[in-house]
């Protein structure tokens, strides 16, 4: 089938006959699975996190992102991993790459990571074209109750053929606050897992 051209589409996929007929760029759309490339999207928004130090959701989320990057580069299925986050006032974008050098780049970016005022929704919205197409987003966030504006951005990402999985970090006594966002993600068929900081 064909559809309207979207920024980021390859020029190789332009369907010239349809483009001439409709007067706008049209591209061939082929059924493809998401690639093995992973974007680790780490939410460090200050307002979303609870607790301090190793028992807090911020520190746990950073460690989880580092562990995931290390896991992607090891084992039989070595996959290219990238990082999208905001730390302090800076947005960090490391596109997915395979290999040890990429792992060290991600670790170097995560080591000084700190809370920010950037919301997860704003981070996803600003970098929508950077994320490309047919990748997988692994979103690590502590944004539970009353902070669900980023879910709409995941829906937009799905329209861009980006698969999403959410790892929702919670302190043990706040786990019940995650229930509404978990239910919403499940209704949208977005895989979600709640991870407690005491595990």
N, C-alpha and C. Protein backbone atom coordinates (compact mmCIF):
# COMPACT_ATOMS: atom_id res chain seq x y z
N UNK A 1 0.84 -1.18 0.00
CA UNK A 1 0.00 0.00 0.00
C UNK A 1 0.89 1.24 0.00
N UNK A 2 0.28 2.39 -0.20
CA UNK A 2 1.02 3.65 -0.17
C UNK A 2 0.38 4.57 0.85
N UNK A 3 1.19 5.50 1.35
CA UNK A 3 0.71 6.50 2.29
C UNK A 3 1.50 7.78 2.06
N UNK A 4 1.06 8.86 2.69
CA UNK A 4 1.75 10.15 2.55
C UNK A 4 3.15 10.08 3.16
N UNK A 5 4.08 10.75 2.54
CA UNK A 5 5.46 10.82 3.02
C UNK A 5 5.50 11.48 4.40
N UNK A 6 6.32 10.93 5.29
CA UNK A 6 6.54 11.48 6.63
C UNK A 6 8.04 11.72 6.78
N UNK A 7 8.41 12.84 7.39
CA UNK A 7 9.81 13.14 7.61
C UNK A 7 10.50 11.94 8.25
N UNK A 8 11.61 11.53 7.63
CA UNK A 8 12.32 10.35 8.13
C UNK A 8 12.17 9.15 7.21
N UNK A 9 11.16 9.17 6.31
CA UNK A 9 11.01 8.09 5.34
C UNK A 9 12.16 8.12 4.34
N UNK A 10 12.58 6.97 3.90
CA UNK A 10 13.64 6.87 2.91
C UNK A 10 13.12 7.31 1.55
N UNK A 11 13.94 8.05 0.83
CA UNK A 11 13.57 8.49 -0.52
C UNK A 11 13.45 7.27 -1.44
N UNK A 12 14.15 6.20 -1.11
CA UNK A 12 14.07 4.97 -1.92
C UNK A 12 12.66 4.40 -1.93
N UNK A 13 11.84 4.72 -0.94
CA UNK A 13 10.50 4.14 -0.85
C UNK A 13 9.41 5.01 -1.49
N UNK A 14 9.82 6.12 -2.12
CA UNK A 14 8.81 6.98 -2.77
C UNK A 14 8.19 6.22 -3.95
N UNK A 15 6.86 6.23 -3.99
CA UNK A 15 6.12 5.60 -5.09
C UNK A 15 5.81 6.71 -6.08
N UNK A 16 6.61 6.75 -7.17
CA UNK A 16 6.57 7.90 -8.08
C UNK A 16 5.25 8.01 -8.83
N UNK A 17 4.64 6.91 -9.21
CA UNK A 17 3.37 6.97 -9.94
C UNK A 17 2.28 7.61 -9.07
N UNK A 18 2.19 7.20 -7.80
CA UNK A 18 1.19 7.79 -6.89
C UNK A 18 1.53 9.25 -6.58
N UNK A 19 2.83 9.55 -6.46
CA UNK A 19 3.25 10.92 -6.20
C UNK A 19 2.81 11.84 -7.34
N UNK A 20 3.00 11.40 -8.58
CA UNK A 20 2.60 12.21 -9.74
C UNK A 20 1.08 12.37 -9.80
N UNK A 21 0.36 11.30 -9.49
CA UNK A 21 -1.10 11.33 -9.56
C UNK A 21 -1.71 12.24 -8.49
N UNK A 22 -1.16 12.20 -7.28
CA UNK A 22 -1.75 12.95 -6.15
C UNK A 22 -1.14 14.33 -5.94
N UNK A 23 0.02 14.57 -6.52
CA UNK A 23 0.64 15.88 -6.37
C UNK A 23 1.35 16.08 -5.04
N UNK A 24 1.58 15.00 -4.29
CA UNK A 24 2.34 15.04 -3.05
C UNK A 24 3.11 13.75 -2.94
N UNK A 25 4.23 13.80 -2.19
CA UNK A 25 5.05 12.61 -2.06
C UNK A 25 4.27 11.49 -1.37
N UNK A 26 4.30 10.33 -1.98
CA UNK A 26 3.69 9.13 -1.42
C UNK A 26 4.79 8.06 -1.33
N UNK A 27 4.74 7.26 -0.28
CA UNK A 27 5.75 6.21 -0.11
C UNK A 27 5.08 4.85 -0.03
N UNK A 28 5.84 3.84 -0.48
CA UNK A 28 5.37 2.46 -0.38
C UNK A 28 5.47 2.03 1.07
N UNK A 29 4.43 1.39 1.55
CA UNK A 29 4.44 0.91 2.92
C UNK A 29 4.48 -0.61 2.89
N UNK A 30 5.51 -1.15 3.55
CA UNK A 30 5.68 -2.59 3.59
C UNK A 30 5.53 -3.08 5.01
N UNK A 31 4.91 -4.22 5.19
CA UNK A 31 4.77 -4.79 6.52
C UNK A 31 6.12 -5.27 7.01
N UNK A 32 6.56 -4.70 8.12
CA UNK A 32 7.82 -5.11 8.71
C UNK A 32 7.68 -5.12 10.22
N UNK A 33 8.41 -6.01 10.82
CA UNK A 33 8.47 -6.06 12.28
C UNK A 33 9.41 -4.96 12.76
N UNK A 34 9.25 -4.50 14.01
CA UNK A 34 10.24 -3.56 14.54
C UNK A 34 11.61 -4.21 14.51
N UNK A 35 12.63 -3.37 14.29
CA UNK A 35 13.99 -3.91 14.24
C UNK A 35 14.43 -4.30 15.65
N UNK A 36 15.60 -4.89 15.73
CA UNK A 36 16.13 -5.27 17.03
C UNK A 36 16.72 -4.09 17.77
N UNK A 37 16.75 -2.91 17.16
CA UNK A 37 17.34 -1.74 17.81
C UNK A 37 16.43 -1.23 18.92
N UNK A 38 17.05 -0.89 20.04
CA UNK A 38 16.32 -0.47 21.23
C UNK A 38 16.70 0.97 21.59
N UNK A 39 15.71 1.78 21.86
CA UNK A 39 15.91 3.10 22.48
C UNK A 39 15.54 2.96 23.95
N UNK A 40 16.48 3.19 24.84
CA UNK A 40 16.19 3.25 26.27
C UNK A 40 15.81 4.69 26.56
N UNK A 41 14.55 4.91 26.92
CA UNK A 41 14.06 6.27 27.19
C UNK A 41 13.92 6.39 28.71
N UNK A 42 14.81 7.17 29.30
CA UNK A 42 14.88 7.29 30.76
C UNK A 42 14.29 8.61 31.22
N UNK A 43 13.24 8.52 32.02
CA UNK A 43 12.56 9.70 32.57
C UNK A 43 13.20 10.09 33.90
N UNK A 44 13.84 11.27 33.92
CA UNK A 44 14.47 11.76 35.15
C UNK A 44 13.77 13.02 35.68
N UNK A 45 12.51 13.21 35.28
CA UNK A 45 11.79 14.40 35.74
C UNK A 45 11.66 14.38 37.27
N UNK A 46 12.09 15.46 37.85
CA UNK A 46 12.12 15.62 39.31
C UNK A 46 10.77 15.33 39.95
N UNK A 47 9.70 15.83 39.35
CA UNK A 47 8.36 15.70 39.93
C UNK A 47 7.86 14.26 39.94
N UNK A 48 8.43 13.40 39.11
CA UNK A 48 7.94 12.02 39.01
C UNK A 48 8.56 11.09 40.05
N UNK A 49 9.69 11.48 40.61
CA UNK A 49 10.45 10.56 41.47
C UNK A 49 10.18 10.77 42.95
N UNK A 50 10.33 9.66 43.69
CA UNK A 50 10.14 9.68 45.14
C UNK A 50 11.35 9.04 45.81
N UNK A 51 11.59 9.46 47.04
CA UNK A 51 12.67 8.87 47.84
C UNK A 51 14.03 9.42 47.49
N UNK A 52 15.02 9.06 48.31
CA UNK A 52 16.39 9.54 48.13
C UNK A 52 17.35 8.38 48.09
N UNK A 53 18.49 8.62 47.45
CA UNK A 53 19.57 7.63 47.44
C UNK A 53 19.19 6.33 46.79
N UNK A 54 19.82 5.26 47.25
CA UNK A 54 19.62 3.94 46.66
C UNK A 54 18.19 3.44 46.78
N UNK A 55 17.45 3.93 47.78
CA UNK A 55 16.06 3.50 47.97
C UNK A 55 15.08 4.33 47.13
N UNK A 56 15.56 5.38 46.49
CA UNK A 56 14.70 6.26 45.71
C UNK A 56 14.50 5.76 44.28
N UNK A 57 13.44 6.22 43.67
CA UNK A 57 13.12 5.78 42.30
C UNK A 57 14.09 6.36 41.27
N UNK A 58 14.67 7.52 41.53
CA UNK A 58 15.61 8.13 40.58
C UNK A 58 16.85 7.25 40.42
N UNK A 59 17.49 6.92 41.53
CA UNK A 59 18.69 6.08 41.49
C UNK A 59 18.38 4.70 40.90
N UNK A 60 17.26 4.14 41.29
CA UNK A 60 16.86 2.82 40.78
C UNK A 60 16.67 2.86 39.26
N UNK A 61 16.05 3.93 38.77
CA UNK A 61 15.80 4.07 37.33
C UNK A 61 17.11 4.17 36.54
N UNK A 62 18.07 4.91 37.08
CA UNK A 62 19.37 5.06 36.40
C UNK A 62 20.09 3.71 36.36
N UNK A 63 20.07 2.99 37.46
CA UNK A 63 20.71 1.67 37.51
C UNK A 63 20.02 0.71 36.55
N UNK A 64 18.70 0.78 36.48
CA UNK A 64 17.93 -0.07 35.57
C UNK A 64 18.31 0.21 34.11
N UNK A 65 18.44 1.49 33.75
CA UNK A 65 18.84 1.86 32.39
C UNK A 65 20.24 1.34 32.06
N UNK A 66 21.17 1.48 33.01
CA UNK A 66 22.53 0.98 32.80
C UNK A 66 22.54 -0.53 32.64
N UNK A 67 21.78 -1.23 33.46
CA UNK A 67 21.70 -2.69 33.38
C UNK A 67 21.12 -3.14 32.05
N UNK A 68 20.10 -2.42 31.58
CA UNK A 68 19.47 -2.78 30.32
C UNK A 68 20.45 -2.59 29.17
N UNK A 69 21.21 -1.48 29.18
CA UNK A 69 22.19 -1.22 28.12
C UNK A 69 23.24 -2.33 28.11
N UNK A 70 23.70 -2.74 29.28
CA UNK A 70 24.70 -3.81 29.38
C UNK A 70 24.13 -5.13 28.86
N UNK A 71 22.87 -5.40 29.18
CA UNK A 71 22.23 -6.65 28.75
C UNK A 71 22.07 -6.69 27.23
N UNK A 72 21.75 -5.54 26.62
CA UNK A 72 21.56 -5.50 25.17
C UNK A 72 22.85 -5.86 24.43
N UNK A 73 23.99 -5.49 24.99
CA UNK A 73 25.26 -5.73 24.32
C UNK A 73 25.87 -7.07 24.60
N UNK A 74 25.24 -7.89 25.44
CA UNK A 74 25.81 -9.19 25.77
C UNK A 74 24.87 -10.30 25.33
N UNK A 75 25.31 -11.53 25.49
CA UNK A 75 24.46 -12.67 25.13
C UNK A 75 24.50 -12.96 23.64
N UNK A 76 23.68 -13.92 23.21
CA UNK A 76 23.67 -14.34 21.81
C UNK A 76 23.05 -13.30 20.89
N UNK A 77 22.01 -12.60 21.38
CA UNK A 77 21.32 -11.63 20.55
C UNK A 77 21.81 -10.23 20.84
N UNK A 78 23.02 -9.92 20.46
CA UNK A 78 23.55 -8.58 20.67
C UNK A 78 22.72 -7.60 19.86
N UNK A 79 22.14 -6.64 20.56
CA UNK A 79 21.27 -5.68 19.91
C UNK A 79 21.82 -4.28 20.07
N UNK A 80 21.57 -3.45 19.09
CA UNK A 80 22.00 -2.06 19.17
C UNK A 80 21.10 -1.34 20.17
N UNK A 81 21.72 -0.61 21.09
CA UNK A 81 20.96 0.14 22.09
C UNK A 81 21.32 1.61 22.01
N UNK A 82 20.34 2.45 22.26
CA UNK A 82 20.55 3.89 22.31
C UNK A 82 19.94 4.44 23.58
N UNK A 83 20.22 5.70 23.87
CA UNK A 83 19.71 6.33 25.09
C UNK A 83 19.10 7.68 24.75
N UNK A 84 17.90 7.91 25.28
CA UNK A 84 17.25 9.22 25.21
C UNK A 84 16.86 9.60 26.62
N UNK A 85 17.41 10.70 27.11
CA UNK A 85 17.06 11.17 28.44
C UNK A 85 17.37 12.66 28.54
N UNK A 86 16.97 13.27 29.62
CA UNK A 86 17.35 14.64 29.94
C UNK A 86 17.93 14.61 31.34
N UNK A 87 19.09 15.21 31.50
CA UNK A 87 19.75 15.25 32.80
C UNK A 87 20.10 16.69 33.10
N UNK A 88 19.64 17.17 34.25
CA UNK A 88 19.82 18.59 34.52
C UNK A 88 19.05 19.38 33.48
N UNK A 89 19.73 20.26 32.77
CA UNK A 89 19.08 21.03 31.71
C UNK A 89 19.38 20.51 30.32
N UNK A 90 20.11 19.40 30.20
CA UNK A 90 20.56 18.90 28.90
C UNK A 90 19.78 17.67 28.45
N UNK A 91 19.49 17.63 27.16
CA UNK A 91 18.89 16.45 26.55
C UNK A 91 20.03 15.60 25.99
N UNK A 92 20.02 14.31 26.30
CA UNK A 92 21.06 13.39 25.85
C UNK A 92 20.45 12.43 24.85
N UNK A 93 21.01 12.41 23.64
CA UNK A 93 20.52 11.54 22.57
C UNK A 93 21.71 10.74 22.04
N UNK A 94 21.70 9.44 22.29
CA UNK A 94 22.72 8.53 21.75
C UNK A 94 21.99 7.50 20.90
N UNK A 95 21.95 7.70 19.56
CA UNK A 95 21.22 6.77 18.70
C UNK A 95 21.73 5.34 18.84
N UNK A 96 20.85 4.35 18.63
CA UNK A 96 21.25 2.95 18.79
C UNK A 96 22.45 2.57 17.93
N UNK A 97 23.42 1.96 18.59
CA UNK A 97 24.63 1.45 17.94
C UNK A 97 24.99 0.15 18.64
N UNK A 98 25.57 -0.79 17.91
CA UNK A 98 26.05 -2.01 18.56
C UNK A 98 27.44 -1.79 19.13
N UNK A 99 27.87 -2.66 20.00
CA UNK A 99 29.26 -2.70 20.42
C UNK A 99 29.55 -2.12 21.78
N UNK A 100 30.77 -2.42 22.22
CA UNK A 100 31.24 -2.03 23.54
C UNK A 100 31.41 -0.51 23.67
N UNK A 101 31.84 0.15 22.59
CA UNK A 101 32.03 1.60 22.64
C UNK A 101 30.71 2.31 22.95
N UNK A 102 29.61 1.79 22.39
CA UNK A 102 28.30 2.38 22.67
C UNK A 102 27.90 2.18 24.13
N UNK A 103 28.20 1.00 24.65
CA UNK A 103 27.89 0.73 26.06
C UNK A 103 28.63 1.72 26.95
N UNK A 104 29.92 1.95 26.67
CA UNK A 104 30.67 2.90 27.48
C UNK A 104 30.13 4.32 27.33
N UNK A 105 29.67 4.67 26.14
CA UNK A 105 29.09 6.01 25.94
C UNK A 105 27.81 6.17 26.76
N UNK A 106 26.99 5.12 26.80
CA UNK A 106 25.76 5.17 27.60
C UNK A 106 26.10 5.25 29.08
N UNK A 107 27.05 4.45 29.53
CA UNK A 107 27.45 4.47 30.95
C UNK A 107 28.01 5.85 31.33
N UNK A 108 28.81 6.45 30.43
CA UNK A 108 29.37 7.77 30.70
C UNK A 108 28.27 8.84 30.79
N UNK A 109 27.21 8.67 30.01
CA UNK A 109 26.09 9.61 30.06
C UNK A 109 25.26 9.43 31.33
N UNK A 110 25.15 8.18 31.80
CA UNK A 110 24.32 7.90 32.98
C UNK A 110 25.03 8.21 34.30
N UNK A 111 26.36 8.11 34.32
CA UNK A 111 27.10 8.29 35.58
C UNK A 111 26.80 9.62 36.27
N UNK A 112 26.80 10.76 35.55
CA UNK A 112 26.51 12.03 36.23
C UNK A 112 25.03 12.42 36.18
N UNK A 113 24.15 11.50 35.76
CA UNK A 113 22.73 11.83 35.56
C UNK A 113 22.11 12.39 36.84
N UNK A 114 21.25 13.38 36.65
CA UNK A 114 20.57 14.00 37.78
C UNK A 114 19.15 14.39 37.37
N UNK A 115 18.34 14.70 38.36
CA UNK A 115 16.94 15.06 38.11
C UNK A 115 16.87 16.32 37.25
N UNK A 116 15.78 16.42 36.51
CA UNK A 116 15.57 17.53 35.58
C UNK A 116 14.14 18.01 35.65
N UNK A 117 13.88 19.15 35.04
CA UNK A 117 12.51 19.65 34.92
C UNK A 117 11.86 19.17 33.63
N UNK A 118 12.62 18.53 32.74
CA UNK A 118 12.07 18.01 31.50
C UNK A 118 11.06 16.91 31.80
N UNK A 119 9.86 17.04 31.26
CA UNK A 119 8.87 15.98 31.43
C UNK A 119 9.11 14.90 30.38
N UNK A 120 8.65 13.69 30.68
CA UNK A 120 8.77 12.59 29.73
C UNK A 120 8.01 12.91 28.45
N UNK A 121 6.84 13.51 28.57
CA UNK A 121 6.04 13.87 27.38
C UNK A 121 6.81 14.84 26.49
N UNK A 122 7.42 15.87 27.09
CA UNK A 122 8.17 16.86 26.32
C UNK A 122 9.40 16.22 25.66
N UNK A 123 10.05 15.33 26.37
CA UNK A 123 11.23 14.64 25.85
C UNK A 123 10.86 13.81 24.61
N UNK A 124 9.78 13.04 24.71
CA UNK A 124 9.33 12.22 23.58
C UNK A 124 8.87 13.08 22.42
N UNK A 125 8.13 14.15 22.72
CA UNK A 125 7.60 15.02 21.68
C UNK A 125 8.73 15.70 20.91
N UNK A 126 9.72 16.22 21.63
CA UNK A 126 10.82 16.94 20.99
C UNK A 126 11.67 16.02 20.11
N UNK A 127 11.77 14.76 20.47
CA UNK A 127 12.67 13.84 19.77
C UNK A 127 11.94 12.83 18.90
N UNK A 128 10.70 13.10 18.57
CA UNK A 128 9.90 12.15 17.79
C UNK A 128 10.57 11.76 16.47
N UNK A 129 11.09 12.75 15.72
CA UNK A 129 11.73 12.42 14.44
C UNK A 129 13.07 11.74 14.65
N UNK A 130 13.77 12.05 15.72
CA UNK A 130 15.07 11.44 16.02
C UNK A 130 14.92 9.94 16.27
N UNK A 131 13.81 9.53 16.85
CA UNK A 131 13.60 8.12 17.20
C UNK A 131 13.47 7.23 15.98
N UNK A 132 13.18 7.83 14.83
CA UNK A 132 13.09 7.06 13.59
C UNK A 132 11.84 6.21 13.52
N UNK A 133 11.96 5.10 12.81
CA UNK A 133 10.83 4.20 12.59
C UNK A 133 11.28 2.77 12.83
N UNK A 134 10.33 1.95 13.23
CA UNK A 134 10.54 0.50 13.38
C UNK A 134 11.64 0.15 14.38
N UNK A 135 11.71 0.91 15.45
CA UNK A 135 12.57 0.58 16.57
C UNK A 135 11.67 0.22 17.75
N UNK A 136 12.28 -0.16 18.86
CA UNK A 136 11.53 -0.44 20.07
C UNK A 136 11.94 0.55 21.15
N UNK A 137 10.97 1.16 21.80
CA UNK A 137 11.23 2.07 22.92
C UNK A 137 11.02 1.30 24.22
N UNK A 138 12.00 1.37 25.10
CA UNK A 138 11.83 0.84 26.45
C UNK A 138 11.83 2.06 27.36
N UNK A 139 10.66 2.41 27.86
CA UNK A 139 10.49 3.62 28.66
C UNK A 139 10.61 3.26 30.14
N UNK A 140 11.56 3.90 30.81
CA UNK A 140 11.75 3.70 32.25
C UNK A 140 11.30 4.97 32.94
N UNK A 141 10.26 4.87 33.74
CA UNK A 141 9.69 6.06 34.37
C UNK A 141 9.11 5.72 35.74
N UNK A 142 9.04 6.74 36.58
CA UNK A 142 8.34 6.61 37.86
C UNK A 142 7.07 7.45 37.84
N UNK A 143 6.69 7.93 36.67
CA UNK A 143 5.51 8.79 36.52
C UNK A 143 4.25 7.95 36.64
N UNK A 144 3.66 7.96 37.80
CA UNK A 144 2.46 7.17 38.06
C UNK A 144 1.21 8.02 37.97
N UNK A 145 0.47 8.08 39.06
CA UNK A 145 -0.82 8.77 39.10
C UNK A 145 -0.68 10.24 38.73
N UNK A 146 -1.66 10.75 37.99
CA UNK A 146 -1.77 12.16 37.61
C UNK A 146 -0.63 12.65 36.73
N UNK A 147 0.15 11.75 36.16
CA UNK A 147 1.22 12.15 35.25
C UNK A 147 1.19 11.23 34.03
N UNK A 148 0.08 11.26 33.32
CA UNK A 148 -0.09 10.30 32.23
C UNK A 148 -0.06 10.96 30.85
N UNK A 149 0.37 12.24 30.75
CA UNK A 149 0.40 12.92 29.46
C UNK A 149 1.37 12.26 28.49
N UNK A 150 2.37 11.55 28.99
CA UNK A 150 3.34 10.88 28.13
C UNK A 150 2.75 9.67 27.41
N UNK A 151 1.63 9.15 27.91
CA UNK A 151 1.00 8.00 27.25
C UNK A 151 0.53 8.40 25.85
N UNK A 152 0.03 9.61 25.70
CA UNK A 152 -0.39 10.10 24.38
C UNK A 152 0.80 10.12 23.42
N UNK A 153 1.98 10.43 23.93
CA UNK A 153 3.18 10.42 23.09
C UNK A 153 3.54 9.01 22.65
N UNK A 154 3.30 8.02 23.50
CA UNK A 154 3.53 6.63 23.11
C UNK A 154 2.56 6.20 22.01
N UNK A 155 1.33 6.70 22.08
CA UNK A 155 0.36 6.41 21.02
C UNK A 155 0.85 7.00 19.70
N UNK A 156 1.38 8.24 19.75
CA UNK A 156 1.94 8.86 18.55
C UNK A 156 3.13 8.05 18.03
N UNK A 157 3.95 7.56 18.94
CA UNK A 157 5.11 6.74 18.55
C UNK A 157 4.64 5.47 17.85
N UNK A 158 3.53 4.90 18.31
CA UNK A 158 2.98 3.72 17.66
C UNK A 158 2.57 3.99 16.23
N UNK A 159 2.04 5.19 15.98
CA UNK A 159 1.68 5.58 14.62
C UNK A 159 2.92 5.72 13.75
N UNK A 160 4.06 5.90 14.37
CA UNK A 160 5.35 6.03 13.68
C UNK A 160 6.04 4.66 13.59
N UNK A 161 5.30 3.62 13.91
CA UNK A 161 5.79 2.24 13.86
C UNK A 161 6.90 1.97 14.88
N UNK A 162 6.80 2.61 16.03
CA UNK A 162 7.70 2.36 17.14
C UNK A 162 6.96 1.53 18.17
N UNK A 163 7.48 0.36 18.48
CA UNK A 163 6.89 -0.46 19.53
C UNK A 163 7.34 0.09 20.87
N UNK A 164 6.51 0.00 21.89
CA UNK A 164 6.86 0.52 23.21
C UNK A 164 6.64 -0.51 24.30
N UNK A 165 7.51 -0.47 25.30
CA UNK A 165 7.37 -1.24 26.52
C UNK A 165 7.66 -0.28 27.66
N UNK A 166 6.91 -0.37 28.74
CA UNK A 166 7.09 0.54 29.87
C UNK A 166 7.51 -0.22 31.12
N UNK A 167 8.58 0.25 31.74
CA UNK A 167 9.01 -0.24 33.05
C UNK A 167 8.70 0.86 34.04
N UNK A 168 7.70 0.63 34.87
CA UNK A 168 7.20 1.63 35.82
C UNK A 168 7.83 1.38 37.18
N UNK A 169 8.68 2.30 37.62
CA UNK A 169 9.41 2.15 38.87
C UNK A 169 8.59 2.76 40.00
N UNK A 170 8.48 2.02 41.10
CA UNK A 170 7.66 2.48 42.22
C UNK A 170 8.30 2.09 43.55
N UNK A 171 8.10 2.94 44.55
CA UNK A 171 8.47 2.54 45.90
C UNK A 171 7.38 1.62 46.42
N UNK A 172 7.73 0.73 47.36
CA UNK A 172 6.76 -0.29 47.83
C UNK A 172 5.44 0.30 48.31
N UNK A 173 5.48 1.40 49.03
CA UNK A 173 4.24 1.96 49.59
C UNK A 173 3.44 2.76 48.57
N UNK A 174 3.97 2.98 47.36
CA UNK A 174 3.25 3.74 46.33
C UNK A 174 2.79 2.88 45.16
N UNK A 175 2.94 1.58 45.29
CA UNK A 175 2.63 0.68 44.18
C UNK A 175 1.17 0.81 43.73
N UNK A 176 0.26 1.03 44.65
CA UNK A 176 -1.17 1.15 44.30
C UNK A 176 -1.44 2.37 43.43
N UNK A 177 -0.60 3.41 43.54
CA UNK A 177 -0.77 4.61 42.72
C UNK A 177 -0.51 4.34 41.24
N UNK A 178 0.18 3.25 40.96
CA UNK A 178 0.50 2.90 39.57
C UNK A 178 -0.66 2.23 38.85
N UNK A 179 -1.65 1.74 39.59
CA UNK A 179 -2.73 0.95 39.00
C UNK A 179 -3.45 1.65 37.84
N UNK A 180 -3.82 2.95 37.96
CA UNK A 180 -4.53 3.59 36.84
C UNK A 180 -3.70 3.65 35.56
N UNK A 181 -2.41 3.97 35.68
CA UNK A 181 -1.56 4.08 34.49
C UNK A 181 -1.31 2.70 33.89
N UNK A 182 -1.18 1.69 34.76
CA UNK A 182 -1.01 0.31 34.27
C UNK A 182 -2.25 -0.10 33.48
N UNK A 183 -3.43 0.18 34.01
CA UNK A 183 -4.67 -0.18 33.33
C UNK A 183 -4.78 0.53 31.98
N UNK A 184 -4.40 1.81 31.95
CA UNK A 184 -4.47 2.57 30.71
C UNK A 184 -3.53 1.98 29.65
N UNK A 185 -2.31 1.65 30.05
CA UNK A 185 -1.35 1.07 29.12
C UNK A 185 -1.82 -0.30 28.63
N UNK A 186 -2.40 -1.08 29.51
CA UNK A 186 -2.91 -2.39 29.10
C UNK A 186 -4.05 -2.27 28.10
N UNK A 187 -4.92 -1.27 28.29
CA UNK A 187 -6.01 -1.03 27.32
C UNK A 187 -5.44 -0.68 25.95
N UNK A 188 -4.28 -0.01 25.93
CA UNK A 188 -3.65 0.39 24.68
C UNK A 188 -2.72 -0.70 24.13
N UNK A 189 -2.68 -1.85 24.80
CA UNK A 189 -1.84 -2.99 24.40
C UNK A 189 -0.36 -2.64 24.43
N UNK A 190 0.02 -1.79 25.40
CA UNK A 190 1.44 -1.47 25.62
C UNK A 190 1.92 -2.32 26.79
N UNK A 191 2.89 -3.20 26.58
CA UNK A 191 3.39 -4.02 27.69
C UNK A 191 3.95 -3.13 28.81
N UNK A 192 3.59 -3.46 30.04
CA UNK A 192 4.02 -2.67 31.19
C UNK A 192 4.35 -3.60 32.34
N UNK A 193 5.38 -3.23 33.08
CA UNK A 193 5.76 -3.99 34.27
C UNK A 193 6.10 -3.00 35.37
N UNK A 194 5.58 -3.25 36.56
CA UNK A 194 5.89 -2.41 37.73
C UNK A 194 7.07 -3.03 38.48
N UNK A 195 8.10 -2.23 38.69
CA UNK A 195 9.29 -2.69 39.39
C UNK A 195 9.43 -1.91 40.70
N UNK A 196 9.44 -2.62 41.81
CA UNK A 196 9.56 -1.97 43.12
C UNK A 196 11.02 -1.79 43.49
N UNK A 197 11.32 -0.67 44.13
CA UNK A 197 12.72 -0.36 44.48
C UNK A 197 13.29 -1.26 45.56
N UNK A 198 12.44 -2.04 46.22
CA UNK A 198 12.96 -2.94 47.25
C UNK A 198 13.25 -4.34 46.69
N UNK A 199 13.10 -4.54 45.39
CA UNK A 199 13.39 -5.84 44.77
C UNK A 199 14.73 -5.82 44.08
